[in-house]
Structure formats: structure tokens, C-alpha cells
N, C-alpha and C. Protein backbone atom coordinates (compact mmCIF):
# COMPACT_ATOMS: atom_id res chain seq x y z
N MET A 1 -35.58 47.78 -22.78
CA MET A 1 -34.30 47.45 -22.21
C MET A 1 -33.26 47.25 -23.31
N GLY A 2 -33.69 46.84 -24.48
CA GLY A 2 -32.75 46.69 -25.59
C GLY A 2 -32.09 48.00 -25.95
N PHE A 3 -32.86 49.10 -25.90
CA PHE A 3 -32.30 50.41 -26.18
C PHE A 3 -31.23 50.77 -25.15
N ALA A 4 -31.53 50.55 -23.89
CA ALA A 4 -30.56 50.85 -22.83
C ALA A 4 -29.30 50.02 -23.01
N ARG A 5 -29.46 48.78 -23.35
CA ARG A 5 -28.31 47.90 -23.56
C ARG A 5 -27.44 48.41 -24.71
N ALA A 6 -28.09 48.93 -25.74
CA ALA A 6 -27.37 49.37 -26.94
C ALA A 6 -26.66 50.70 -26.78
N VAL A 7 -27.23 51.63 -26.01
CA VAL A 7 -26.68 52.99 -26.00
C VAL A 7 -26.05 53.42 -24.68
N ALA A 8 -26.34 52.74 -23.60
CA ALA A 8 -25.85 53.20 -22.29
C ALA A 8 -24.39 52.82 -22.06
N ASP A 9 -23.69 53.71 -21.38
CA ASP A 9 -22.34 53.41 -20.91
C ASP A 9 -22.39 52.82 -19.51
N ARG A 10 -23.41 53.23 -18.76
CA ARG A 10 -23.56 52.80 -17.37
C ARG A 10 -25.05 52.70 -17.08
N MET A 11 -25.41 51.71 -16.27
CA MET A 11 -26.81 51.53 -15.88
C MET A 11 -26.90 51.50 -14.36
N TYR A 12 -28.05 51.94 -13.87
CA TYR A 12 -28.33 51.92 -12.44
C TYR A 12 -29.66 51.22 -12.24
N PHE A 13 -29.72 50.34 -11.27
CA PHE A 13 -30.96 49.67 -10.93
C PHE A 13 -31.40 50.15 -9.56
N PHE A 14 -32.62 50.68 -9.52
CA PHE A 14 -33.18 51.24 -8.29
C PHE A 14 -34.23 50.30 -7.72
N ASP A 15 -34.31 50.25 -6.40
CA ASP A 15 -35.37 49.53 -5.71
C ASP A 15 -35.80 50.40 -4.53
N GLU A 16 -37.05 50.77 -4.51
CA GLU A 16 -37.61 51.63 -3.47
C GLU A 16 -36.81 52.92 -3.32
N GLY A 17 -36.41 53.50 -4.45
CA GLY A 17 -35.72 54.78 -4.46
C GLY A 17 -34.24 54.74 -4.16
N LEU A 18 -33.69 53.55 -3.96
CA LEU A 18 -32.27 53.41 -3.67
C LEU A 18 -31.56 52.68 -4.80
N ILE A 19 -30.34 53.08 -5.10
CA ILE A 19 -29.55 52.36 -6.09
C ILE A 19 -29.08 51.06 -5.45
N VAL A 20 -29.48 49.94 -6.03
CA VAL A 20 -29.06 48.65 -5.48
C VAL A 20 -27.98 47.99 -6.33
N GLU A 21 -27.83 48.48 -7.57
CA GLU A 21 -26.78 47.92 -8.43
C GLU A 21 -26.46 48.90 -9.54
N SER A 22 -25.21 48.97 -9.91
CA SER A 22 -24.81 49.79 -11.04
C SER A 22 -23.68 49.07 -11.77
N GLY A 23 -23.56 49.39 -13.03
CA GLY A 23 -22.50 48.79 -13.83
C GLY A 23 -22.73 49.04 -15.30
N THR A 24 -21.89 48.44 -16.10
CA THR A 24 -22.07 48.54 -17.54
C THR A 24 -23.28 47.69 -17.93
N PRO A 25 -23.86 47.97 -19.08
CA PRO A 25 -24.97 47.11 -19.52
C PRO A 25 -24.56 45.64 -19.55
N ARG A 26 -23.37 45.36 -19.98
CA ARG A 26 -22.89 43.96 -20.01
C ARG A 26 -22.90 43.36 -18.61
N ASP A 27 -22.41 44.11 -17.62
CA ASP A 27 -22.39 43.63 -16.23
C ASP A 27 -23.81 43.35 -15.73
N ILE A 28 -24.68 44.32 -15.95
CA ILE A 28 -26.04 44.21 -15.41
C ILE A 28 -26.82 43.08 -16.07
N PHE A 29 -26.77 42.98 -17.39
CA PHE A 29 -27.55 41.96 -18.09
C PHE A 29 -26.94 40.57 -18.01
N ASN A 30 -25.62 40.48 -18.01
CA ASN A 30 -24.97 39.15 -18.04
C ASN A 30 -24.59 38.60 -16.68
N ASN A 31 -24.41 39.48 -15.70
CA ASN A 31 -23.95 39.01 -14.40
C ASN A 31 -24.47 39.88 -13.27
N PRO A 32 -25.80 40.00 -13.15
CA PRO A 32 -26.34 40.82 -12.06
C PRO A 32 -25.95 40.22 -10.71
N GLN A 33 -25.65 41.09 -9.77
CA GLN A 33 -25.19 40.63 -8.45
C GLN A 33 -26.29 40.60 -7.41
N GLU A 34 -27.24 41.50 -7.51
CA GLU A 34 -28.28 41.63 -6.50
C GLU A 34 -29.50 40.79 -6.85
N GLU A 35 -30.11 40.18 -5.85
CA GLU A 35 -31.28 39.33 -6.07
C GLU A 35 -32.43 40.09 -6.72
N ARG A 36 -32.63 41.34 -6.30
CA ARG A 36 -33.72 42.14 -6.87
C ARG A 36 -33.50 42.39 -8.36
N THR A 37 -32.26 42.65 -8.75
CA THR A 37 -31.93 42.84 -10.17
C THR A 37 -32.16 41.56 -10.94
N LYS A 38 -31.73 40.44 -10.38
CA LYS A 38 -31.92 39.14 -11.04
C LYS A 38 -33.40 38.85 -11.25
N LEU A 39 -34.21 39.11 -10.23
CA LEU A 39 -35.65 38.88 -10.34
C LEU A 39 -36.26 39.75 -11.43
N PHE A 40 -35.94 41.03 -11.42
CA PHE A 40 -36.47 41.95 -12.42
C PHE A 40 -36.09 41.49 -13.83
N LEU A 41 -34.83 41.19 -14.04
CA LEU A 41 -34.39 40.78 -15.38
C LEU A 41 -35.03 39.47 -15.80
N SER A 42 -35.23 38.55 -14.88
CA SER A 42 -35.87 37.28 -15.23
C SER A 42 -37.30 37.50 -15.68
N GLN A 43 -37.95 38.51 -15.13
CA GLN A 43 -39.34 38.79 -15.49
C GLN A 43 -39.46 39.53 -16.82
N ILE A 44 -38.54 40.41 -17.11
CA ILE A 44 -38.68 41.17 -18.36
C ILE A 44 -38.02 40.49 -19.55
N LEU A 45 -37.11 39.57 -19.31
CA LEU A 45 -36.41 38.91 -20.40
C LEU A 45 -37.00 37.57 -20.77
N GLN A 46 -38.14 37.22 -20.17
CA GLN A 46 -38.79 35.95 -20.50
C GLN A 46 -39.29 35.98 -21.92
N HIS A 47 -39.28 34.85 -22.56
CA HIS A 47 -39.81 34.74 -23.94
C HIS A 47 -41.12 34.01 -23.92
């Protein structure tokens, strides 16, 4: 995910084959709007 954050202009988050959220890496990582995106990020960004 660090690579995507560094090089992407736009990101898309899919759930069950549907786009549930899109935005800039800053938008997605710092202020996700959808619960599914928030859950996913909380699981992969844990330390």
C-alpha cells in the first residue's frame, strides 16, 4: 500500500467487484468514507 500511496494519482477500492470508494491516496488513507474501506485500512495498517 505504501507504493500505491507514493505513486498513484487516484485510487479505487473494490468490494465484491464493485467500486465502493475512489479518491486521491490522501483522501483514501486519511479520510475514508465507506465502512468497508475503513475496516480494510484498519487491518492492513496495524502495527
